[in-house]
Amino acid sequence: MIYRLGADALLVLHLGFVLFALFGGLLAARRRWLLPFHLLAMGWAIYVQLASRSCPLTGWEQVLRIRAGDAGYSGSFIEHYLLPLIYPHWLTLPLQYVLAAVVVAINLLVYGWLWHRRRRR
């Protein structure tokens, strides 16, 4: 049971990290001290997508699920939990590039808006 709870906690942490990488610029607008953390998270998310790498949180979650007696899963966190909700079951390299571009675009818009707002003051 403890392994399953650990795996579920990692799942929540991983989802929070993905959301922070996407939308953390909005938090950084309010809390300036979050800016370096968001830039690191965004950089890691872009690297993982473009380099076709696996996030360590995915591996740790899978190990905990297997120790809990579950089957685990193959692929990445995004492939297993998020893509079935948003995209079809197939994931291609061009789609990974699109996902990385979405992270970049959202953050360029947020930081552009913040820069414009700050410059107007």
C-alpha atoms as a PDB file:
ATOM      1  CA  MET A   1       0.000   0.000   0.000  1.00  0.00           C
ATOM      2  CA  ILE A   2       2.840   2.422   0.785  1.00  0.00           C
ATOM      3  CA  TYR A   3       4.275   1.910  -2.699  1.00  0.00           C
ATOM      4  CA  ARG A   4       0.946   2.700  -4.329  1.00  0.00           C
ATOM      5  CA  LEU A   5       0.613   5.877  -2.240  1.00  0.00           C
ATOM      6  CA  GLY A   6       4.154   6.865  -3.218  1.00  0.00           C
ATOM      7  CA  ALA A   7       3.395   6.244  -6.890  1.00  0.00           C
ATOM      8  CA  ASP A   8       0.200   8.303  -6.657  1.00  0.00           C
ATOM      9  CA  ALA A   9       2.071  11.110  -4.881  1.00  0.00           C
ATOM     10  CA  LEU A  10       4.683  11.101  -7.661  1.00  0.00           C
ATOM     11  CA  LEU A  11       1.871  11.235 -10.217  1.00  0.00           C
ATOM     12  CA  VAL A  12       0.464  14.369  -8.581  1.00  0.00           C
ATOM     13  CA  LEU A  13       3.943  15.911  -8.281  1.00  0.00           C
ATOM     14  CA  HIS A  14       4.638  15.136 -11.948  1.00  0.00           C
ATOM     15  CA  LEU A  15       1.367  16.683 -13.077  1.00  0.00           C
ATOM     16  CA  GLY A  16       2.142  19.753 -10.978  1.00  0.00           C
ATOM     17  CA  PHE A  17       5.559  20.009 -12.598  1.00  0.00           C
ATOM     18  CA  VAL A  18       4.057  19.787 -16.104  1.00  0.00           C
ATOM     19  CA  LEU A  19       1.512  22.489 -15.268  1.00  0.00           C
ATOM     20  CA  PHE A  20       4.237  24.647 -13.702  1.00  0.00           C
ATOM     21  CA  ALA A  21       6.397  24.283 -16.840  1.00  0.00           C
ATOM     22  CA  LEU A  22       3.452  25.374 -18.979  1.00  0.00           C
ATOM     23  CA  PHE A  23       1.913  28.113 -16.862  1.00  0.00           C
ATOM     24  CA  GLY A  24       4.538  28.978 -14.245  1.00  0.00           C
ATOM     25  CA  GLY A  25       5.203  32.290 -15.933  1.00  0.00           C
ATOM     26  CA  LEU A  26       1.863  33.463 -14.583  1.00  0.00           C
ATOM     27  CA  LEU A  27       2.980  32.586 -11.066  1.00  0.00           C
ATOM     28  CA  ALA A  28       6.333  34.254 -11.655  1.00  0.00           C
ATOM     29  CA  ALA A  29       4.448  37.440 -12.511  1.00  0.00           C
ATOM     30  CA  ARG A  30       3.157  37.516  -8.936  1.00  0.00           C
ATOM     31  CA  ARG A  31       6.080  35.904  -7.160  1.00  0.00           C
ATOM     32  CA  ARG A  32       9.337  37.044  -8.721  1.00  0.00           C
ATOM     33  CA  TRP A  33      11.359  34.499  -6.721  1.00  0.00           C
ATOM     34  CA  LEU A  34       9.708  31.735  -8.797  1.00  0.00           C
ATOM     35  CA  LEU A  35      11.205  33.027 -12.047  1.00  0.00           C
ATOM     36  CA  PRO A  36      14.478  31.018 -11.973  1.00  0.00           C
ATOM     37  CA  PHE A  37      12.583  27.875 -10.956  1.00  0.00           C
ATOM     38  CA  HIS A  38      10.122  28.335 -13.787  1.00  0.00           C
ATOM     39  CA  LEU A  39      12.852  28.928 -16.340  1.00  0.00           C
ATOM     40  CA  LEU A  40      14.584  25.715 -15.199  1.00  0.00           C
ATOM     41  CA  ALA A  41      11.316  23.750 -15.321  1.00  0.00           C
ATOM     42  CA  MET A  42      10.502  25.109 -18.757  1.00  0.00           C
ATOM     43  CA  GLY A  43      14.001  24.296 -19.995  1.00  0.00           C
ATOM     44  CA  TRP A  44      13.770  20.749 -18.666  1.00  0.00           C
ATOM     45  CA  ALA A  45      10.343  20.215 -20.263  1.00  0.00           C
ATOM     46  CA  ILE A  46      11.623  21.437 -23.622  1.00  0.00           C
ATOM     47  CA  TYR A  47      14.753  19.277 -23.355  1.00  0.00           C
ATOM     48  CA  VAL A  48      12.763  16.142 -22.481  1.00  0.00           C
ATOM     49  CA  GLN A  49      10.473  16.658 -25.470  1.00  0.00           C
ATOM     50  CA  LEU A  50      13.093  17.567 -28.055  1.00  0.00           C
ATOM     51  CA  ALA A  51      15.675  14.985 -26.959  1.00  0.00           C
ATOM     52  CA  SER A  52      13.059  12.193 -26.656  1.00  0.00           C
ATOM     53  CA  ARG A  53      14.226  11.626 -23.090  1.00  0.00           C
ATOM     54  CA  SER A  54      12.283  10.221 -20.189  1.00  0.00           C
ATOM     55  CA  CYS A  55      11.743  12.233 -17.038  1.00  0.00           C
ATOM     56  CA  PRO A  56      13.157  10.523 -13.925  1.00  0.00           C
ATOM     57  CA  LEU A  57       9.815  10.954 -12.155  1.00  0.00           C
ATOM     58  CA  THR A  58       8.262   8.589 -14.700  1.00  0.00           C
ATOM     59  CA  GLY A  59      10.781   5.857 -13.928  1.00  0.00           C
ATOM     60  CA  TRP A  60      10.401   6.283 -10.181  1.00  0.00           C
ATOM     61  CA  GLU A  61       6.618   6.117 -10.444  1.00  0.00           C
ATOM     62  CA  GLN A  62       6.828   2.943 -12.529  1.00  0.00           C
ATOM     63  CA  VAL A  63       9.159   1.272 -10.019  1.00  0.00           C
ATOM     64  CA  LEU A  64       6.778   2.111  -7.178  1.00  0.00           C
ATOM     65  CA  ARG A  65       3.788   0.807  -9.153  1.00  0.00           C
ATOM     66  CA  ILE A  66       5.560  -2.473  -9.882  1.00  0.00           C
ATOM     67  CA  ARG A  67       6.536  -2.831  -6.200  1.00  0.00           C
ATOM     68  CA  ALA A  68       2.892  -2.194  -5.312  1.00  0.00           C
ATOM     69  CA  GLY A  69       1.929  -5.148  -7.488  1.00  0.00           C
ATOM     70  CA  ASP A  70       0.614  -3.116 -10.411  1.00  0.00           C
ATOM     71  CA  ALA A  71       1.713  -3.723 -13.984  1.00  0.00           C
ATOM     72  CA  GLY A  72       3.301  -0.308 -14.414  1.00  0.00           C
ATOM     73  CA  TYR A  73       3.209   1.241 -17.855  1.00  0.00           C
ATOM     74  CA  SER A  74       5.470   1.864 -20.785  1.00  0.00           C
ATOM     75  CA  GLY A  75       6.258   5.231 -22.270  1.00  0.00           C
ATOM     76  CA  SER A  76       6.385   8.615 -20.612  1.00  0.00           C
ATOM     77  CA  PHE A  77       4.135  10.333 -18.085  1.00  0.00           C
ATOM     78  CA  ILE A  78       2.670  12.508 -20.826  1.00  0.00           C
ATOM     79  CA  GLU A  79       2.055   9.526 -23.117  1.00  0.00           C
ATOM     80  CA  HIS A  80       0.377   7.490 -20.394  1.00  0.00           C
ATOM     81  CA  TYR A  81      -1.725  10.075 -18.560  1.00  0.00           C
ATOM     82  CA  LEU A  82      -2.139  13.195 -20.690  1.00  0.00           C
ATOM     83  CA  LEU A  83      -2.033  12.201 -24.351  1.00  0.00           C
ATOM     84  CA  PRO A  84      -4.928   9.752 -24.126  1.00  0.00           C
ATOM     85  CA  LEU A  85      -7.031  12.673 -22.901  1.00  0.00           C
ATOM     86  CA  ILE A  86      -5.841  15.205 -25.465  1.00  0.00           C
ATOM     87  CA  TYR A  87      -4.402  13.330 -28.459  1.00  0.00           C
ATOM     88  CA  PRO A  88      -4.953  10.023 -30.215  1.00  0.00           C
ATOM     89  CA  HIS A  89      -3.081   6.969 -28.910  1.00  0.00           C
ATOM     90  CA  TRP A  90      -0.213   7.348 -31.386  1.00  0.00           C
ATOM     91  CA  LEU A  91       2.639   9.709 -30.599  1.00  0.00           C
ATOM     92  CA  THR A  92       5.123  10.632 -33.286  1.00  0.00           C
ATOM     93  CA  LEU A  93       8.319  12.627 -33.171  1.00  0.00           C
ATOM     94  CA  PRO A  94       6.690  15.562 -35.012  1.00  0.00           C
ATOM     95  CA  LEU A  95       3.997  15.613 -32.324  1.00  0.00           C
ATOM     96  CA  GLN A  96       6.681  15.802 -29.646  1.00  0.00           C
ATOM     97  CA  TYR A  97       8.086  18.831 -31.465  1.00  0.00           C
ATOM     98  CA  VAL A  98       4.625  20.364 -31.429  1.00  0.00           C
ATOM     99  CA  LEU A  99       4.363  19.782 -27.671  1.00  0.00           C
ATOM    100  CA  ALA A 100       7.720  21.475 -27.139  1.00  0.00           C
ATOM    101  CA  ALA A 101       6.594  24.366 -29.352  1.00  0.00           C
ATOM    102  CA  VAL A 102       3.428  24.729 -27.261  1.00  0.00           C
ATOM    103  CA  VAL A 103       5.526  25.082 -24.097  1.00  0.00           C
ATOM    104  CA  VAL A 104       7.692  27.710 -25.806  1.00  0.00           C
ATOM    105  CA  ALA A 105       4.723  29.591 -27.313  1.00  0.00           C
ATOM    106  CA  ILE A 106       2.735  29.763 -24.088  1.00  0.00           C
ATOM    107  CA  ASN A 107       5.736  31.024 -22.179  1.00  0.00           C
ATOM    108  CA  LEU A 108       6.739  33.533 -24.854  1.00  0.00           C
ATOM    109  CA  LEU A 109       3.226  34.943 -24.715  1.00  0.00           C
ATOM    110  CA  VAL A 110       3.245  35.121 -20.914  1.00  0.00           C
ATOM    111  CA  TYR A 111       6.717  36.658 -20.675  1.00  0.00           C
ATOM    112  CA  GLY A 112       5.978  39.009 -23.558  1.00  0.00           C
ATOM    113  CA  TRP A 113       2.851  40.166 -21.785  1.00  0.00           C
ATOM    114  CA  LEU A 114       4.775  40.618 -18.523  1.00  0.00           C
ATOM    115  CA  TRP A 115       7.541  42.533 -20.265  1.00  0.00           C
ATOM    116  CA  HIS A 116       5.010  44.769 -22.028  1.00  0.00           C
ATOM    117  CA  ARG A 117       3.125  45.383 -18.777  1.00  0.00           C
ATOM    118  CA  ARG A 118       6.303  46.212 -16.889  1.00  0.00           C
ATOM    119  CA  ARG A 119       7.535  48.516 -19.627  1.00  0.00           C
ATOM    120  CA  ARG A 120       4.284  50.505 -19.561  1.00  0.00           C
ATOM    121  CA  ARG A 121       4.783  51.325 -15.853  1.00  0.00           C
END
